[in-house]
Amino acid sequence: MLELRPNCEWCDKDLPPDAAEARICSYECTYCADCVEQVLRNVCPTCGGGFQPRPIRPRGAHREGKTLGLGHQPASTTRVHSQWSAAEVAILSDRLANLPPAER
């Protein structure tokens, strides 16, 4: 199941489960749209892949008898922070930003 991290790993902005501005890579690294566009240049500093909008998990179960939704499968409360320095992010972004994610 997708881990819904509570914050941008770069600027630490809160990203609640319904945040339309949350972005994730295929490894679930989570950043806000501003950091993805302005700092990371759509390059994940961990894997080098691109980002997509994070899906919004419904608040409640909409199927009777199913344990779905935030009430049954809550978002994570563990804050995560990038392990990479600004210089390391810039080097990787400079190298990969002009390549579409599918070609990296």
N, C-alpha and C. Protein backbone atom coordinates (compact mmCIF):
# COMPACT_ATOMS: atom_id res chain seq x y z
N MET A 1 0.84 -1.17 0.00
CA MET A 1 0.00 0.00 0.00
C MET A 1 0.89 1.24 0.00
N LEU A 2 0.46 2.26 -0.71
CA LEU A 2 1.20 3.51 -0.82
C LEU A 2 1.33 4.18 0.55
N GLU A 3 2.56 4.52 0.90
CA GLU A 3 2.81 5.26 2.14
C GLU A 3 2.56 6.74 1.88
N LEU A 4 1.67 7.33 2.64
CA LEU A 4 1.39 8.75 2.49
C LEU A 4 2.23 9.51 3.51
N ARG A 5 3.40 9.98 3.06
CA ARG A 5 4.29 10.71 3.97
C ARG A 5 3.72 12.09 4.27
N PRO A 6 3.94 12.59 5.49
CA PRO A 6 3.26 13.81 5.93
C PRO A 6 3.91 15.13 5.56
N ASN A 7 5.06 15.07 4.87
CA ASN A 7 5.78 16.32 4.63
C ASN A 7 6.60 16.27 3.35
N CYS A 8 6.98 17.46 2.88
CA CYS A 8 7.93 17.58 1.78
C CYS A 8 9.30 17.24 2.36
N GLU A 9 9.99 16.34 1.70
CA GLU A 9 11.29 15.90 2.19
C GLU A 9 12.38 16.96 2.02
N TRP A 10 12.09 18.03 1.27
CA TRP A 10 13.09 19.09 1.09
C TRP A 10 12.81 20.27 2.01
N CYS A 11 11.62 20.87 1.93
CA CYS A 11 11.33 22.09 2.70
C CYS A 11 10.54 21.82 3.97
N ASP A 12 10.12 20.58 4.19
CA ASP A 12 9.39 20.14 5.37
C ASP A 12 7.96 20.69 5.45
N LYS A 13 7.44 21.19 4.35
CA LYS A 13 6.05 21.66 4.31
C LYS A 13 5.11 20.50 4.60
N ASP A 14 4.07 20.76 5.38
CA ASP A 14 3.06 19.73 5.65
C ASP A 14 2.34 19.35 4.37
N LEU A 15 2.19 18.05 4.16
CA LEU A 15 1.44 17.52 3.01
C LEU A 15 0.43 16.50 3.53
N PRO A 16 -0.71 16.98 4.00
CA PRO A 16 -1.72 16.06 4.52
C PRO A 16 -2.21 15.11 3.41
N PRO A 17 -2.93 14.06 3.78
CA PRO A 17 -3.35 13.06 2.80
C PRO A 17 -4.15 13.62 1.61
N ASP A 18 -4.80 14.75 1.79
CA ASP A 18 -5.57 15.34 0.69
C ASP A 18 -4.85 16.47 -0.04
N ALA A 19 -3.54 16.59 0.15
CA ALA A 19 -2.77 17.67 -0.47
C ALA A 19 -2.61 17.43 -1.97
N ALA A 20 -3.23 18.27 -2.78
CA ALA A 20 -3.14 18.14 -4.24
C ALA A 20 -1.74 18.49 -4.74
N GLU A 21 -0.95 19.17 -3.92
CA GLU A 21 0.38 19.57 -4.36
C GLU A 21 1.48 18.56 -4.01
N ALA A 22 1.12 17.43 -3.41
CA ALA A 22 2.12 16.41 -3.08
C ALA A 22 2.54 15.67 -4.34
N ARG A 23 3.83 15.44 -4.47
CA ARG A 23 4.40 14.71 -5.61
C ARG A 23 5.21 13.55 -5.07
N ILE A 24 5.19 12.42 -5.81
CA ILE A 24 5.96 11.25 -5.41
C ILE A 24 6.71 10.68 -6.61
N CYS A 25 7.82 9.99 -6.31
CA CYS A 25 8.52 9.23 -7.33
C CYS A 25 8.07 7.77 -7.19
N SER A 26 8.62 6.89 -7.99
CA SER A 26 8.18 5.49 -7.94
C SER A 26 8.60 4.79 -6.65
N TYR A 27 9.50 5.40 -5.87
CA TYR A 27 9.89 4.85 -4.57
C TYR A 27 9.19 5.55 -3.41
N GLU A 28 8.21 6.39 -3.73
CA GLU A 28 7.39 7.11 -2.76
C GLU A 28 8.11 8.27 -2.07
N CYS A 29 9.27 8.68 -2.59
CA CYS A 29 9.88 9.91 -2.08
C CYS A 29 8.83 11.00 -2.30
N THR A 30 8.66 11.87 -1.33
CA THR A 30 7.55 12.82 -1.35
C THR A 30 8.05 14.25 -1.21
N TYR A 31 7.60 15.09 -2.14
CA TYR A 31 7.99 16.50 -2.14
C TYR A 31 6.78 17.33 -2.53
N CYS A 32 6.82 18.62 -2.22
CA CYS A 32 5.75 19.52 -2.65
C CYS A 32 6.02 19.92 -4.10
N ALA A 33 4.96 20.36 -4.78
CA ALA A 33 5.08 20.73 -6.19
C ALA A 33 6.10 21.83 -6.39
N ASP A 34 6.17 22.82 -5.49
CA ASP A 34 7.13 23.91 -5.63
C ASP A 34 8.57 23.39 -5.61
N CYS A 35 8.90 22.51 -4.69
CA CYS A 35 10.26 21.98 -4.63
C CYS A 35 10.57 21.11 -5.84
N VAL A 36 9.59 20.31 -6.29
CA VAL A 36 9.80 19.48 -7.47
C VAL A 36 10.12 20.34 -8.68
N GLU A 37 9.39 21.43 -8.85
CA GLU A 37 9.57 22.29 -10.02
C GLU A 37 10.78 23.21 -9.90
N GLN A 38 10.96 23.85 -8.74
CA GLN A 38 11.95 24.90 -8.61
C GLN A 38 13.32 24.43 -8.14
N VAL A 39 13.36 23.41 -7.30
CA VAL A 39 14.64 22.94 -6.74
C VAL A 39 15.11 21.67 -7.43
N LEU A 40 14.24 20.70 -7.50
CA LEU A 40 14.62 19.37 -8.00
C LEU A 40 14.54 19.26 -9.51
N ARG A 41 13.79 20.15 -10.15
CA ARG A 41 13.63 20.15 -11.61
C ARG A 41 13.11 18.81 -12.13
N ASN A 42 12.15 18.24 -11.38
CA ASN A 42 11.51 16.97 -11.71
C ASN A 42 12.50 15.80 -11.75
N VAL A 43 13.54 15.89 -10.93
CA VAL A 43 14.52 14.79 -10.81
C VAL A 43 14.54 14.38 -9.35
N CYS A 44 14.14 13.15 -9.06
CA CYS A 44 14.21 12.67 -7.68
C CYS A 44 15.67 12.59 -7.26
N PRO A 45 16.04 13.20 -6.15
CA PRO A 45 17.43 13.18 -5.72
C PRO A 45 17.91 11.81 -5.27
N THR A 46 16.99 10.89 -5.03
CA THR A 46 17.37 9.55 -4.60
C THR A 46 17.55 8.62 -5.79
N CYS A 47 16.53 8.53 -6.65
CA CYS A 47 16.58 7.53 -7.74
C CYS A 47 16.83 8.13 -9.12
N GLY A 48 16.68 9.45 -9.28
CA GLY A 48 16.88 10.07 -10.58
C GLY A 48 15.64 10.04 -11.46
N GLY A 49 14.56 9.44 -10.98
CA GLY A 49 13.31 9.39 -11.75
C GLY A 49 12.54 10.69 -11.66
N GLY A 50 11.38 10.70 -12.27
CA GLY A 50 10.52 11.87 -12.24
C GLY A 50 9.45 11.74 -11.17
N PHE A 51 8.59 12.72 -11.11
CA PHE A 51 7.53 12.78 -10.11
C PHE A 51 6.16 12.82 -10.75
N GLN A 52 5.17 12.35 -10.00
CA GLN A 52 3.77 12.40 -10.39
C GLN A 52 2.97 12.91 -9.19
N PRO A 53 1.78 13.46 -9.45
CA PRO A 53 0.93 13.83 -8.31
C PRO A 53 0.63 12.60 -7.45
N ARG A 54 0.71 12.78 -6.13
CA ARG A 54 0.40 11.68 -5.23
C ARG A 54 -1.11 11.48 -5.19
N PRO A 55 -1.58 10.25 -5.33
CA PRO A 55 -3.02 10.00 -5.24
C PRO A 55 -3.56 10.41 -3.87
N ILE A 56 -4.81 10.82 -3.85
CA ILE A 56 -5.46 11.19 -2.60
C ILE A 56 -6.28 9.99 -2.13
N ARG A 57 -5.96 9.53 -0.93
CA ARG A 57 -6.70 8.39 -0.36
C ARG A 57 -8.03 8.90 0.18
N PRO A 58 -9.13 8.26 -0.17
CA PRO A 58 -10.43 8.69 0.33
C PRO A 58 -10.47 8.68 1.86
N ARG A 59 -11.24 9.59 2.42
CA ARG A 59 -11.36 9.68 3.89
C ARG A 59 -12.09 8.49 4.48
N GLY A 60 -13.12 8.05 3.81
CA GLY A 60 -13.93 6.97 4.36
C GLY A 60 -14.03 5.80 3.41
N ALA A 61 -14.56 4.72 3.92
CA ALA A 61 -14.80 3.53 3.11
C ALA A 61 -16.10 3.73 2.32
N HIS A 62 -16.03 3.56 1.04
CA HIS A 62 -17.20 3.75 0.19
C HIS A 62 -17.80 2.42 -0.28
N ARG A 63 -17.25 1.32 0.20
CA ARG A 63 -17.76 -0.01 -0.08
C ARG A 63 -18.08 -0.67 1.25
N GLU A 64 -19.31 -1.04 1.44
CA GLU A 64 -19.72 -1.65 2.70
C GLU A 64 -18.91 -2.92 2.97
N GLY A 65 -18.45 -3.04 4.21
CA GLY A 65 -17.71 -4.22 4.62
C GLY A 65 -16.23 -4.18 4.26
N LYS A 66 -15.77 -3.14 3.61
CA LYS A 66 -14.36 -3.04 3.23
C LYS A 66 -13.64 -2.10 4.20
N THR A 67 -12.43 -2.46 4.53
CA THR A 67 -11.63 -1.63 5.44
C THR A 67 -10.70 -0.75 4.61
N LEU A 68 -11.31 0.19 3.93
CA LEU A 68 -10.57 1.11 3.07
C LEU A 68 -10.71 2.53 3.60
N GLY A 69 -9.92 3.43 3.07
CA GLY A 69 -9.98 4.83 3.45
C GLY A 69 -9.06 5.14 4.62
N LEU A 70 -8.89 6.43 4.86
CA LEU A 70 -7.98 6.89 5.91
C LEU A 70 -8.37 6.40 7.30
N GLY A 71 -9.65 6.16 7.53
CA GLY A 71 -10.09 5.68 8.83
C GLY A 71 -9.53 4.31 9.15
N HIS A 72 -9.30 3.51 8.15
CA HIS A 72 -8.78 2.15 8.35
C HIS A 72 -7.29 2.04 7.99
N GLN A 73 -6.85 2.85 7.06
CA GLN A 73 -5.46 2.82 6.62
C GLN A 73 -4.93 4.25 6.60
N PRO A 74 -4.56 4.75 7.78
CA PRO A 74 -4.16 6.16 7.91
C PRO A 74 -2.83 6.46 7.25
N ALA A 75 -2.63 7.74 7.00
CA ALA A 75 -1.37 8.22 6.47
C ALA A 75 -0.28 8.09 7.53
N SER A 76 0.95 8.05 7.08
CA SER A 76 2.08 7.99 7.99
C SER A 76 2.20 9.30 8.77
N THR A 77 2.71 9.23 9.97
CA THR A 77 3.00 10.43 10.76
C THR A 77 4.51 10.63 10.92
N THR A 78 5.31 9.75 10.33
CA THR A 78 6.76 9.84 10.42
C THR A 78 7.29 10.78 9.35
N ARG A 79 7.87 11.88 9.79
CA ARG A 79 8.42 12.86 8.87
C ARG A 79 9.73 12.34 8.29
N VAL A 80 9.92 12.56 7.00
CA VAL A 80 11.10 12.10 6.29
C VAL A 80 11.80 13.33 5.70
N HIS A 81 13.13 13.33 5.72
CA HIS A 81 13.91 14.44 5.17
C HIS A 81 14.95 13.90 4.21
N SER A 82 15.19 14.63 3.15
CA SER A 82 16.15 14.22 2.14
C SER A 82 17.53 14.06 2.76
N GLN A 83 18.22 13.04 2.32
CA GLN A 83 19.59 12.81 2.80
C GLN A 83 20.63 13.53 1.95
N TRP A 84 20.18 14.18 0.88
CA TRP A 84 21.10 14.79 -0.07
C TRP A 84 21.29 16.27 0.20
N SER A 85 22.49 16.76 -0.03
CA SER A 85 22.78 18.19 0.14
C SER A 85 22.29 18.95 -1.09
N ALA A 86 22.19 20.26 -0.95
CA ALA A 86 21.77 21.10 -2.08
C ALA A 86 22.74 20.94 -3.25
N ALA A 87 24.03 20.82 -2.97
CA ALA A 87 25.02 20.64 -4.04
C ALA A 87 24.82 19.31 -4.76
N GLU A 88 24.55 18.24 -4.00
CA GLU A 88 24.33 16.93 -4.61
C GLU A 88 23.06 16.92 -5.46
N VAL A 89 22.03 17.59 -4.98
CA VAL A 89 20.78 17.69 -5.74
C VAL A 89 21.02 18.46 -7.03
N ALA A 90 21.74 19.55 -6.96
CA ALA A 90 22.01 20.36 -8.15
C ALA A 90 22.79 19.58 -9.19
N ILE A 91 23.77 18.82 -8.77
CA ILE A 91 24.57 18.03 -9.72
C ILE A 91 23.71 17.01 -10.45
N LEU A 92 22.90 16.27 -9.72
CA LEU A 92 22.05 15.26 -10.34
C LEU A 92 20.98 15.91 -11.22
N SER A 93 20.38 16.98 -10.74
CA SER A 93 19.35 17.67 -11.52
C SER A 93 19.92 18.24 -12.81
N ASP A 94 21.11 18.83 -12.74
CA ASP A 94 21.75 19.37 -13.94
C ASP A 94 22.01 18.28 -14.97
N ARG A 95 22.37 17.10 -14.50
CA ARG A 95 22.70 15.99 -15.39
C ARG A 95 21.45 15.39 -16.04
N LEU A 96 20.32 15.35 -15.30
CA LEU A 96 19.16 14.60 -15.77
C LEU A 96 17.94 15.42 -16.16
N ALA A 97 17.88 16.67 -15.78
CA ALA A 97 16.64 17.46 -15.96
C ALA A 97 16.19 17.58 -17.41
N ASN A 98 17.11 17.55 -18.35
CA ASN A 98 16.72 17.70 -19.76
C ASN A 98 16.34 16.38 -20.43
N LEU A 99 16.46 15.28 -19.70
CA LEU A 99 16.03 13.98 -20.21
C LEU A 99 14.64 13.67 -19.67
N PRO A 100 13.70 13.26 -20.50
CA PRO A 100 12.40 12.85 -19.97
C PRO A 100 12.58 11.66 -19.03
N PRO A 101 11.78 11.57 -17.98
CA PRO A 101 11.92 10.47 -17.02
C PRO A 101 11.98 9.09 -17.66
N ALA A 102 11.26 8.87 -18.73
CA ALA A 102 11.25 7.55 -19.38
C ALA A 102 12.58 7.23 -20.06
N GLU A 103 13.43 8.22 -20.24
CA GLU A 103 14.73 8.01 -20.90
C GLU A 103 15.90 8.04 -19.92
N ARG A 104 15.62 8.16 -18.63
CA ARG A 104 16.72 8.25 -17.66
C ARG A 104 17.25 6.89 -17.28
